[in-house]
C-alpha atoms as a PDB file:
ATOM      1  CA  MET A   1       0.208   0.999   2.071  1.00  0.00           C
ATOM      2  CA  ILE A   2       1.394   2.314  -1.271  1.00  0.00           C
ATOM      3  CA  ILE A   3       1.831   5.921  -2.403  1.00  0.00           C
ATOM      4  CA  CYS A   4       2.300   5.749  -6.163  1.00  0.00           C
ATOM      5  CA  ASN A   5       3.342   9.288  -7.052  1.00  0.00           C
ATOM      6  CA  SER A   6       4.417   8.183 -10.527  1.00  0.00           C
ATOM      7  CA  HIS A   7       0.833   7.241 -11.450  1.00  0.00           C
ATOM      8  CA  ASN A   8      -1.000   9.396  -8.899  1.00  0.00           C
ATOM      9  CA  PHE A   9      -2.819   6.920  -6.653  1.00  0.00           C
ATOM     10  CA  ALA A  10      -2.628   5.445  -3.175  1.00  0.00           C
ATOM     11  CA  VAL A  11      -3.475   1.997  -1.833  1.00  0.00           C
ATOM     12  CA  THR A  12      -4.694   1.713   1.739  1.00  0.00           C
ATOM     13  CA  ARG A  13      -5.705  -1.429   3.602  1.00  0.00           C
ATOM     14  CA  ALA A  14      -8.491  -2.279   6.008  1.00  0.00           C
ATOM     15  CA  GLN A  15      -7.786  -5.433   7.953  1.00  0.00           C
ATOM     16  CA  LYS A  16      -9.179  -8.760   6.774  1.00  0.00           C
ATOM     17  CA  THR A  17     -10.069  -7.497   3.293  1.00  0.00           C
ATOM     18  CA  GLY A  18      -7.377  -9.061   1.124  1.00  0.00           C
ATOM     19  CA  GLY A  19      -5.198  -5.958   1.382  1.00  0.00           C
ATOM     20  CA  THR A  20      -1.900  -7.856   1.309  1.00  0.00           C
ATOM     21  CA  SER A  21      -2.895  -9.468  -1.986  1.00  0.00           C
ATOM     22  CA  LEU A  22      -4.120  -6.146  -3.368  1.00  0.00           C
ATOM     23  CA  GLU A  23      -0.779  -4.519  -2.592  1.00  0.00           C
ATOM     24  CA  MET A  24       1.126  -7.372  -4.224  1.00  0.00           C
ATOM     25  CA  TYR A  25      -0.913  -7.003  -7.428  1.00  0.00           C
ATOM     26  CA  ILE A  26       0.209  -3.363  -7.576  1.00  0.00           C
ATOM     27  CA  LEU A  27       3.823  -4.055  -6.600  1.00  0.00           C
ATOM     28  CA  GLU A  28       4.132  -6.673  -9.359  1.00  0.00           C
ATOM     29  CA  SER A  29       2.342  -4.576 -11.965  1.00  0.00           C
ATOM     30  CA  GLY A  30       5.271  -2.479 -13.153  1.00  0.00           C
ATOM     31  CA  LEU A  31       3.480   0.713 -12.113  1.00  0.00           C
ATOM     32  CA  ILE A  32       5.739   1.463  -9.154  1.00  0.00           C
ATOM     33  CA  ASP A  33       8.751   3.744  -9.511  1.00  0.00           C
ATOM     34  CA  TYR A  34      10.872   2.626  -6.579  1.00  0.00           C
ATOM     35  CA  ALA A  35      12.943   5.804  -6.645  1.00  0.00           C
ATOM     36  CA  ASN A  36       9.943   8.097  -6.119  1.00  0.00           C
ATOM     37  CA  ASP A  37       7.084   5.979  -4.776  1.00  0.00           C
ATOM     38  CA  ILE A  38       6.527   4.703  -1.237  1.00  0.00           C
ATOM     39  CA  TYR A  39       5.311   1.336  -0.006  1.00  0.00           C
ATOM     40  CA  THR A  40       5.218  -0.421   3.340  1.00  0.00           C
ATOM     41  CA  LEU A  41       4.620  -4.099   3.994  1.00  0.00           C
ATOM     42  CA  GLU A  42       4.378  -5.883   7.320  1.00  0.00           C
ATOM     43  CA  GLY A  43       7.274  -7.875   8.730  1.00  0.00           C
ATOM     44  CA  GLY A  44      10.187  -5.532   8.198  1.00  0.00           C
ATOM     45  CA  PHE A  45      11.270  -7.056   4.889  1.00  0.00           C
ATOM     46  CA  ALA A  46      13.844  -5.140   2.875  1.00  0.00           C
ATOM     47  CA  ASN A  47      11.666  -5.101  -0.242  1.00  0.00           C
ATOM     48  CA  TRP A  48       8.556  -6.651  -1.715  1.00  0.00           C
ATOM     49  CA  GLU A  49      10.520  -9.346  -3.538  1.00  0.00           C
ATOM     50  CA  GLU A  50      11.844 -10.586  -0.201  1.00  0.00           C
ATOM     51  CA  PHE A  51       8.321 -10.508   1.221  1.00  0.00           C
ATOM     52  CA  LYS A  52       6.971 -12.493  -1.733  1.00  0.00           C
ATOM     53  CA  GLU A  53       9.782 -15.042  -1.489  1.00  0.00           C
ATOM     54  CA  TYR A  54       9.000 -15.548   2.192  1.00  0.00           C
ATOM     55  CA  SER A  55       5.289 -15.877   1.458  1.00  0.00           C
ATOM     56  CA  GLU A  56       5.800 -18.484  -1.254  1.00  0.00           C
ATOM     57  CA  ALA A  57       8.074 -20.491   1.036  1.00  0.00           C
ATOM     58  CA  HIS A  58       5.534 -20.402   3.893  1.00  0.00           C
ATOM     59  CA  ASP A  59       2.240 -21.531   2.358  1.00  0.00           C
ATOM     60  CA  ASN A  60       1.247 -18.025   1.239  1.00  0.00           C
ATOM     61  CA  LEU A  61       1.347 -16.669   4.801  1.00  0.00           C
ATOM     62  CA  LYS A  62      -1.066 -19.199   6.287  1.00  0.00           C
ATOM     63  CA  TYR A  63      -2.320 -17.432   9.380  1.00  0.00           C
ATOM     64  CA  SER A  64      -1.946 -20.290  11.851  1.00  0.00           C
ATOM     65  CA  GLU A  65       1.775 -20.438  11.091  1.00  0.00           C
ATOM     66  CA  LEU A  66       2.627 -16.723  11.074  1.00  0.00           C
ATOM     67  CA  PRO A  67       5.463 -15.389  13.236  1.00  0.00           C
ATOM     68  CA  ARG A  68       4.606 -12.556  15.613  1.00  0.00           C
ATOM     69  CA  SER A  69       6.080  -9.986  13.216  1.00  0.00           C
ATOM     70  CA  LEU A  70       3.333 -10.712  10.675  1.00  0.00           C
ATOM     71  CA  TYR A  71       0.155 -10.440  12.712  1.00  0.00           C
ATOM     72  CA  GLY A  72      -1.361  -8.165  15.319  1.00  0.00           C
ATOM     73  CA  GLN A  73      -2.247  -4.491  15.304  1.00  0.00           C
ATOM     74  CA  ASP A  74       1.242  -3.358  16.272  1.00  0.00           C
ATOM     75  CA  SER A  75       2.921  -5.387  13.517  1.00  0.00           C
ATOM     76  CA  LEU A  76       0.478  -4.183  10.883  1.00  0.00           C
ATOM     77  CA  ALA A  77       0.266  -0.536  11.956  1.00  0.00           C
ATOM     78  CA  SER A  78       2.605   0.872   9.300  1.00  0.00           C
ATOM     79  CA  ALA A  79       1.133  -1.288   6.519  1.00  0.00           C
ATOM     80  CA  GLN A  80      -2.480  -0.514   7.442  1.00  0.00           C
ATOM     81  CA  LYS A  81      -2.377   3.248   7.851  1.00  0.00           C
ATOM     82  CA  THR A  82      -5.619   4.982   7.040  1.00  0.00           C
ATOM     83  CA  PHE A  83      -5.728   7.447   4.168  1.00  0.00           C
ATOM     84  CA  ALA A  84      -6.338  10.212   6.716  1.00  0.00           C
ATOM     85  CA  GLU A  85      -3.122   9.261   8.521  1.00  0.00           C
ATOM     86  CA  ILE A  86      -1.201   9.277   5.253  1.00  0.00           C
ATOM     87  CA  VAL A  87      -2.461  12.765   4.442  1.00  0.00           C
ATOM     88  CA  GLU A  88      -1.761  13.975   7.991  1.00  0.00           C
ATOM     89  CA  GLU A  89       1.825  12.734   7.729  1.00  0.00           C
ATOM     90  CA  GLY A  90       2.277  14.635   4.470  1.00  0.00           C
ATOM     91  CA  LEU A  91       2.754  11.511   2.376  1.00  0.00           C
ATOM     92  CA  ALA A  92      -0.111  12.251  -0.024  1.00  0.00           C
ATOM     93  CA  PRO A  93      -2.435  15.130  -0.907  1.00  0.00           C
ATOM     94  CA  SER A  94      -5.998  14.824   0.355  1.00  0.00           C
ATOM     95  CA  ASP A  95      -7.375  14.560  -3.203  1.00  0.00           C
ATOM     96  CA  MET A  96      -5.033  11.784  -4.382  1.00  0.00           C
ATOM     97  CA  PRO A  97      -7.028   8.927  -5.964  1.00  0.00           C
ATOM     98  CA  CYS A  98      -7.142   5.899  -3.681  1.00  0.00           C
ATOM     99  CA  ILE A  99      -8.019   2.236  -4.072  1.00  0.00           C
ATOM    100  CA  GLY A 100      -8.761  -0.418  -1.484  1.00  0.00           C
ATOM    101  CA  ALA A 101     -10.785  -3.534  -0.748  1.00  0.00           C
ATOM    102  CA  ILE A 102     -14.134  -3.915   0.996  1.00  0.00           C
ATOM    103  CA  ARG A 103     -15.973  -6.893   2.463  1.00  0.00           C
ATOM    104  CA  HIS A 104     -19.584  -7.523   3.485  1.00  0.00           C
ATOM    105  CA  PRO A 105     -19.743  -6.447   7.146  1.00  0.00           C
ATOM    106  CA  LEU A 106     -21.107  -9.765   8.420  1.00  0.00           C
ATOM    107  CA  GLU A 107     -18.493 -11.810   6.575  1.00  0.00           C
ATOM    108  CA  TRP A 108     -15.872  -9.355   7.824  1.00  0.00           C
ATOM    109  CA  LEU A 109     -17.015  -9.949  11.399  1.00  0.00           C
ATOM    110  CA  ALA A 110     -17.004 -13.697  10.740  1.00  0.00           C
ATOM    111  CA  SER A 111     -13.381 -13.417   9.637  1.00  0.00           C
ATOM    112  CA  LEU A 112     -12.423 -11.448  12.753  1.00  0.00           C
ATOM    113  CA  PHE A 113     -14.226 -14.066  14.880  1.00  0.00           C
ATOM    114  CA  TYR A 114     -12.361 -16.897  13.149  1.00  0.00           C
ATOM    115  CA  TYR A 115      -8.929 -15.328  13.508  1.00  0.00           C
ATOM    116  CA  ALA A 116      -9.480 -14.260  17.110  1.00  0.00           C
ATOM    117  CA  ASN A 117     -10.427 -17.814  18.035  1.00  0.00           C
ATOM    118  CA  LEU A 118      -7.629 -19.349  16.000  1.00  0.00           C
ATOM    119  CA  ARG A 119      -5.053 -17.178  17.751  1.00  0.00           C
ATOM    120  CA  ARG A 120      -6.722 -17.787  21.141  1.00  0.00           C
ATOM    121  CA  THR A 121      -6.597 -21.554  20.604  1.00  0.00           C
ATOM    122  CA  ILE A 122      -2.947 -21.510  19.511  1.00  0.00           C
ATOM    123  CA  THR A 123      -1.985 -19.479  22.583  1.00  0.00           C
ATOM    124  CA  ALA A 124      -3.999 -21.674  24.957  1.00  0.00           C
ATOM    125  CA  LYS A 125      -2.427 -24.856  23.573  1.00  0.00           C
ATOM    126  CA  LYS A 126       1.012 -23.318  24.040  1.00  0.00           C
ATOM    127  CA  HIS A 127       0.213 -22.497  27.668  1.00  0.00           C
ATOM    128  CA  LEU A 128      -1.075 -26.037  28.233  1.00  0.00           C
ATOM    129  CA  SER A 129       2.112 -27.506  26.769  1.00  0.00           C
ATOM    130  CA  GLU A 130       4.427 -25.224  28.723  1.00  0.00           C
ATOM    131  CA  LYS A 131       2.593 -24.991  32.061  1.00  0.00           C
ATOM    132  CA  GLY A 132       0.568 -28.190  32.142  1.00  0.00           C
ATOM    133  CA  SER A 133      -2.704 -26.257  32.377  1.00  0.00           C
ATOM    134  CA  TYR A 134      -4.622 -23.422  30.779  1.00  0.00           C
ATOM    135  CA  THR A 135      -4.266 -19.984  32.336  1.00  0.00           C
ATOM    136  CA  PRO A 136      -7.279 -18.222  33.921  1.00  0.00           C
ATOM    137  CA  TYR A 137      -7.211 -15.839  30.950  1.00  0.00           C
ATOM    138  CA  ASP A 138      -7.388 -18.771  28.511  1.00  0.00           C
ATOM    139  CA  LEU A 139     -10.477 -20.099  30.286  1.00  0.00           C
ATOM    140  CA  GLU A 140     -12.098 -16.674  30.458  1.00  0.00           C
ATOM    141  CA  MET A 141     -11.566 -16.001  26.758  1.00  0.00           C
ATOM    142  CA  ALA A 142     -12.898 -19.435  25.821  1.00  0.00           C
ATOM    143  CA  LYS A 143     -16.121 -18.515  27.628  1.00  0.00           C
ATOM    144  CA  GLU A 144     -16.340 -15.012  26.181  1.00  0.00           C
ATOM    145  CA  VAL A 145     -15.429 -15.396  22.498  1.00  0.00           C
ATOM    146  CA  SER A 146     -15.709 -19.006  21.334  1.00  0.00           C
ATOM    147  CA  GLU A 147     -19.400 -18.726  20.372  1.00  0.00           C
ATOM    148  CA  PRO A 148     -20.766 -16.091  17.937  1.00  0.00           C
ATOM    149  CA  ASN A 149     -23.421 -14.461  20.131  1.00  0.00           C
ATOM    150  CA  ALA A 150     -21.232 -14.390  23.233  1.00  0.00           C
ATOM    151  CA  SER A 151     -18.343 -13.015  21.180  1.00  0.00           C
ATOM    152  CA  PHE A 152     -20.551 -10.308  19.678  1.00  0.00           C
ATOM    153  CA  ASP A 153     -21.792  -9.225  23.114  1.00  0.00           C
ATOM    154  CA  PHE A 154     -18.269  -9.279  24.506  1.00  0.00           C
ATOM    155  CA  VAL A 155     -16.813  -6.902  21.936  1.00  0.00           C
ATOM    156  CA  PHE A 156     -19.817  -4.678  21.232  1.00  0.00           C
ATOM    157  CA  ASP A 157     -21.023  -4.344  24.811  1.00  0.00           C
ATOM    158  CA  LYS A 158     -18.549  -5.439  27.493  1.00  0.00           C
ATOM    159  CA  GLU A 159     -15.318  -4.263  25.810  1.00  0.00           C
ATOM    160  CA  TRP A 160     -16.555  -1.770  23.208  1.00  0.00           C
ATOM    161  CA  ASP A 161     -14.800   1.220  24.766  1.00  0.00           C
ATOM    162  CA  SER A 162     -11.378  -0.419  25.022  1.00  0.00           C
ATOM    163  CA  PRO A 163      -8.755   0.994  22.614  1.00  0.00           C
ATOM    164  CA  GLU A 164      -7.877  -2.490  21.342  1.00  0.00           C
ATOM    165  CA  VAL A 165     -11.482  -3.317  20.448  1.00  0.00           C
ATOM    166  CA  GLN A 166     -12.003   0.098  18.879  1.00  0.00           C
ATOM    167  CA  ALA A 167      -8.926  -0.431  16.713  1.00  0.00           C
ATOM    168  CA  SER A 168      -9.950  -3.951  15.713  1.00  0.00           C
ATOM    169  CA  LEU A 169     -13.556  -3.122  14.907  1.00  0.00           C
ATOM    170  CA  LYS A 170     -13.349   0.324  13.362  1.00  0.00           C
ATOM    171  CA  PRO A 171     -15.272   0.391  10.073  1.00  0.00           C
ATOM    172  CA  GLN A 172     -13.478  -0.666   6.926  1.00  0.00           C
ATOM    173  CA  THR A 173     -14.444   2.596   5.262  1.00  0.00           C
ATOM    174  CA  SER A 174     -12.549   4.542   7.933  1.00  0.00           C
ATOM    175  CA  TYR A 175      -9.356   3.459   6.160  1.00  0.00           C
ATOM    176  CA  TYR A 176     -10.398   5.149   2.914  1.00  0.00           C
ATOM    177  CA  PRO A 177     -11.385   8.640   1.756  1.00  0.00           C
ATOM    178  CA  ASP A 178     -14.908   9.179   0.495  1.00  0.00           C
ATOM    179  CA  HIS A 179     -13.573   9.416  -3.060  1.00  0.00           C
ATOM    180  CA  ALA A 180     -11.836   6.006  -2.909  1.00  0.00           C
ATOM    181  CA  GLN A 181     -12.463   3.352  -5.562  1.00  0.00           C
ATOM    182  CA  LEU A 182     -13.187   0.179  -3.592  1.00  0.00           C
ATOM    183  CA  PHE A 183     -13.038  -3.431  -4.781  1.00  0.00           C
ATOM    184  CA  ASN A 184     -15.279  -6.083  -3.225  1.00  0.00           C
ATOM    185  CA  ILE A 185     -13.171  -8.970  -1.994  1.00  0.00           C
ATOM    186  CA  GLU A 186     -15.063 -11.563  -4.059  1.00  0.00           C
ATOM    187  CA  ASN A 187     -14.032  -9.827  -7.302  1.00  0.00           C
ATOM    188  CA  ILE A 188     -10.761  -8.280  -6.204  1.00  0.00           C
ATOM    189  CA  HIS A 189      -8.852  -9.933  -9.066  1.00  0.00           C
ATOM    190  CA  GLU A 190     -11.200  -8.522 -11.713  1.00  0.00           C
ATOM    191  CA  HIS A 191     -11.271  -5.056 -10.151  1.00  0.00           C
ATOM    192  CA  VAL A 192      -7.547  -4.655  -9.646  1.00  0.00           C
ATOM    193  CA  SER A 193      -6.704  -6.195 -13.008  1.00  0.00           C
ATOM    194  CA  GLU A 194      -8.890  -3.642 -14.773  1.00  0.00           C
ATOM    195  CA  PHE A 195      -7.344  -0.847 -12.714  1.00  0.00           C
ATOM    196  CA  ILE A 196      -3.756  -1.936 -13.461  1.00  0.00           C
ATOM    197  CA  LEU A 197      -4.344  -2.470 -17.168  1.00  0.00           C
ATOM    198  CA  SER A 198      -6.020   0.942 -17.467  1.00  0.00           C
ATOM    199  CA  LYS A 199      -2.781   2.519 -16.270  1.00  0.00           C
ATOM    200  CA  GLY A 200      -0.547   0.513 -18.582  1.00  0.00           C
ATOM    201  CA  GLY A 201       0.588  -2.071 -16.045  1.00  0.00           C
ATOM    202  CA  THR A 202       0.614  -5.847 -16.259  1.00  0.00           C
ATOM    203  CA  VAL A 203      -1.126  -8.646 -14.361  1.00  0.00           C
ATOM    204  CA  SER A 204       0.626 -12.010 -14.304  1.00  0.00           C
ATOM    205  CA  GLY A 205      -2.126 -13.999 -12.584  1.00  0.00           C
ATOM    206  CA  ARG A 206      -4.351 -14.342  -9.545  1.00  0.00           C
ATOM    207  CA  ILE A 207      -2.742 -13.515  -6.190  1.00  0.00           C
ATOM    208  CA  GLU A 208      -3.946 -14.877  -2.841  1.00  0.00           C
ATOM    209  CA  LEU A 209      -1.771 -14.170   0.185  1.00  0.00           C
ATOM    210  CA  ARG A 210      -2.508 -14.782   3.890  1.00  0.00           C
ATOM    211  CA  LYS A 211      -4.498 -17.906   3.101  1.00  0.00           C
ATOM    212  CA  SER A 212      -6.759 -19.533   5.687  1.00  0.00           C
ATOM    213  CA  ASP A 213      -9.404 -22.195   6.038  1.00  0.00           C
ATOM    214  CA  ASN A 214     -11.899 -19.610   7.225  1.00  0.00           C
ATOM    215  CA  ASP A 215     -15.512 -20.520   6.441  1.00  0.00           C
ATOM    216  CA  PRO A 216     -18.025 -17.886   7.638  1.00  0.00           C
ATOM    217  CA  THR A 217     -20.907 -20.379   7.668  1.00  0.00           C
ATOM    218  CA  TYR A 218     -20.719 -21.268  11.366  1.00  0.00           C
ATOM    219  CA  TYR A 219     -20.617 -17.636  12.462  1.00  0.00           C
ATOM    220  CA  LEU A 220     -23.388 -16.507  10.128  1.00  0.00           C
ATOM    221  CA  GLU A 221     -25.685 -19.418  10.988  1.00  0.00           C
ATOM    222  CA  ASN A 222     -25.240 -18.996  14.737  1.00  0.00           C
ATOM    223  CA  LEU A 223     -25.297 -15.220  15.099  1.00  0.00           C
ATOM    224  CA  SER A 224     -28.795 -14.131  16.096  1.00  0.00           C
ATOM    225  CA  SER A 225     -30.855 -12.057  13.670  1.00  0.00           C
ATOM    226  CA  ASP A 226     -31.055  -9.082  16.051  1.00  0.00           C
ATOM    227  CA  ARG A 227     -27.274  -9.009  16.371  1.00  0.00           C
ATOM    228  CA  LYS A 228     -26.899  -9.207  12.595  1.00  0.00           C
ATOM    229  CA  GLN A 229     -29.229  -6.253  12.223  1.00  0.00           C
ATOM    230  CA  ARG A 230     -27.312  -4.296  14.836  1.00  0.00           C
ATOM    231  CA  ALA A 231     -24.040  -5.014  13.032  1.00  0.00           C
ATOM    232  CA  LEU A 232     -25.458  -3.839   9.708  1.00  0.00           C
ATOM    233  CA  GLU A 233     -26.601  -0.618  11.361  1.00  0.00           C
ATOM    234  CA  ILE A 234     -23.176  -0.030  12.926  1.00  0.00           C
ATOM    235  CA  TYR A 235     -21.430  -0.748   9.612  1.00  0.00           C
ATOM    236  CA  GLU A 236     -24.024   0.750   7.280  1.00  0.00           C
ATOM    237  CA  LYS A 237     -21.425   2.733   5.336  1.00  0.00           C
ATOM    238  CA  ASP A 238     -19.334  -0.411   4.808  1.00  0.00           C
ATOM    239  CA  LEU A 239     -22.372  -2.313   3.548  1.00  0.00           C
ATOM    240  CA  ILE A 240     -23.215   0.437   1.054  1.00  0.00           C
ATOM    241  CA  ALA A 241     -19.602   0.509  -0.184  1.00  0.00           C
ATOM    242  CA  TRP A 242     -19.536  -3.293  -0.559  1.00  0.00           C
ATOM    243  CA  GLU A 243     -22.832  -3.361  -2.459  1.00  0.00           C
ATOM    244  CA  LYS A 244     -21.597  -0.628  -4.806  1.00  0.00           C
ATOM    245  CA  ALA A 245     -18.359  -2.499  -5.531  1.00  0.00           C
ATOM    246  CA  LYS A 246     -20.096  -5.842  -5.982  1.00  0.00           C
ATOM    247  CA  SER A 247     -22.627  -4.413  -8.421  1.00  0.00           C
ATOM    248  CA  VAL A 248     -19.834  -3.824 -10.937  1.00  0.00           C
ATOM    249  CA  TYR A 249     -19.476  -7.591 -11.488  1.00  0.00           C
ATOM    250  CA  ALA A 250     -22.941  -8.755 -10.464  1.00  0.00           C
END
């Protein structure tokens, strides 16, 4: 989250949309007045330079190696506040210009599927090493979420009403106001570079934080067509926002 009062714009972040990288572009751009502007990054670092130094020393925040302070809804809550929350807390006026990133809903779901299973596998292996066997919860989750269709049914049907699922799967566009300028993740460098340069800032190069080996192919090829259609209906507003952003560099 960034509130740039000096240049009159905010940056808010939906999860799994390259938001950490987007924030770093802005923080390195020279547009931030650290005496009057506000920014929050995950992990409790003293400043963005410390965060960047840590990232560069740890494979650009490779997800499988993150400490607990750098992943999870609780750890990211202050960094991923919605624009509505920012306005409600009095940090920005409701008409402040806002930028953010947007992803195709199906690829976004593929990313959530990948990370949920990566974290599940890491935890299960830890339990096996420490206890000599998997826990009943490990076995249950392996059955429920390791395959795309089963995972989809688990979160959208069995667990849809749980607060944790609602928080994890709320639409990307719920993080942004209707007037936000959104950047599709595939062209985030081009979008944010143009934005920064238009305000007199600088761009030193491409930024990619929180790297992973995530390939959406398995999820997309194995999720049934009816479930894909249902997802696109649920996240229709996200799809429209992604298509609009992508058309700029089509």
